Amino acid sequence: MCKISIITINKDNAVGLENTIQSVINQTYKDIEYLIIDGASSDNSLAIIKKYSNSISTYISERDNGLYNAMNKGIAKATG
């Protein structure tokens, strides 16, 4: 089986983030590395990340320089 890395980037979208997390953790494929890159959200996003932390391989919550910077952070951390 091949490990798959899934990267979710987020900024102030707690509802969408939770829906995405639930979708990823409900997958039947088990060899998933799940990374969340959050742009220092000021909403409830960090609480949601912590709520599902046992299903998340890595998360980063810090200011970034936008969408592509966040994706590049995730790619740099991914091992799948």
Protein backbone atom coordinates (compact mmCIF):
# COMPACT_ATOMS: atom_id res chain seq x y z
CA MET A 1 0.00 0.00 0.00
CA CYS A 2 1.26 3.48 -0.87
CA LYS A 3 1.08 6.35 1.63
CA ILE A 4 -0.99 9.28 0.40
CA SER A 5 -0.44 12.81 1.74
CA ILE A 6 -3.49 15.05 1.88
CA ILE A 7 -2.87 18.75 2.53
CA THR A 8 -5.65 21.10 3.58
CA ILE A 9 -4.96 24.81 3.69
CA ASN A 10 -7.25 27.10 5.64
CA LYS A 11 -7.74 30.70 6.67
CA ASP A 12 -10.79 31.72 8.72
CA ASN A 13 -13.10 29.02 7.35
CA ALA A 14 -13.92 26.90 10.39
CA VAL A 15 -17.11 25.37 8.93
CA GLY A 16 -15.44 24.37 5.66
CA LEU A 17 -12.40 23.10 7.55
CA GLU A 18 -14.48 20.82 9.75
CA ASN A 19 -16.37 19.47 6.74
CA THR A 20 -13.07 18.76 4.98
CA ILE A 21 -11.54 17.07 8.02
CA GLN A 22 -14.60 14.83 8.38
CA SER A 23 -14.41 13.92 4.71
CA VAL A 24 -10.73 12.96 4.98
CA ILE A 25 -11.05 10.92 8.16
CA ASN A 26 -14.04 9.01 6.76
CA GLN A 27 -12.03 7.68 3.82
CA THR A 28 -11.65 3.91 3.69
CA TYR A 29 -8.02 4.07 2.52
CA LYS A 30 -5.98 3.85 5.71
CA ASP A 31 -2.42 4.84 4.74
CA ILE A 32 -3.11 8.59 4.79
CA GLU A 33 -0.84 11.32 6.08
CA TYR A 34 -3.08 14.30 6.79
CA LEU A 35 -1.57 17.79 7.05
CA ILE A 36 -3.41 21.02 7.80
CA ILE A 37 -1.79 24.38 7.14
CA ASP A 38 -3.72 27.20 8.78
CA GLY A 39 -2.91 30.85 8.17
CA ALA A 40 -3.28 31.93 11.82
CA SER A 41 -7.07 32.00 11.59
CA SER A 42 -8.94 34.29 13.96
CA ASP A 43 -12.12 32.20 13.95
CA ASN A 44 -12.73 28.78 15.53
CA SER A 45 -10.40 26.92 13.13
CA LEU A 46 -7.68 26.11 15.65
CA ALA A 47 -10.23 24.64 18.08
CA ILE A 48 -11.55 22.42 15.30
CA ILE A 49 -8.03 21.30 14.39
CA LYS A 50 -7.41 20.38 18.04
CA LYS A 51 -10.77 18.57 18.22
CA TYR A 52 -9.59 16.21 15.45
CA SER A 53 -5.90 16.20 16.34
CA ASN A 54 -5.80 12.42 16.78
CA SER A 55 -6.64 12.09 13.05
CA ILE A 56 -4.22 14.77 11.84
CA SER A 57 -0.57 13.89 11.21
CA THR A 58 0.74 17.45 11.29
CA TYR A 59 -0.72 20.91 11.58
CA ILE A 60 0.78 24.36 11.40
CA SER A 61 -1.07 27.50 12.42
CA GLU A 62 0.93 30.62 11.64
CA ARG A 63 0.82 33.65 9.40
CA ASP A 64 1.85 33.01 5.85
CA ASN A 65 2.14 34.86 2.57
CA GLY A 66 -0.99 33.48 0.97
CA LEU A 67 -2.38 30.41 -0.70
CA TYR A 68 0.74 29.26 -2.53
CA ASN A 69 2.99 29.83 0.45
CA ALA A 70 0.66 27.69 2.57
CA MET A 71 0.62 24.90 -0.03
CA ASN A 72 4.42 24.97 -0.26
CA LYS A 73 4.65 24.62 3.54
CA GLY A 74 2.44 21.55 3.33
CA ILE A 75 4.42 20.04 0.46
CA ALA A 76 7.67 20.57 2.38
CA LYS A 77 6.25 18.62 5.35
CA ALA A 78 4.58 15.84 3.35
CA THR A 79 6.22 12.43 3.19
CA GLY A 80 3.68 10.51 1.08
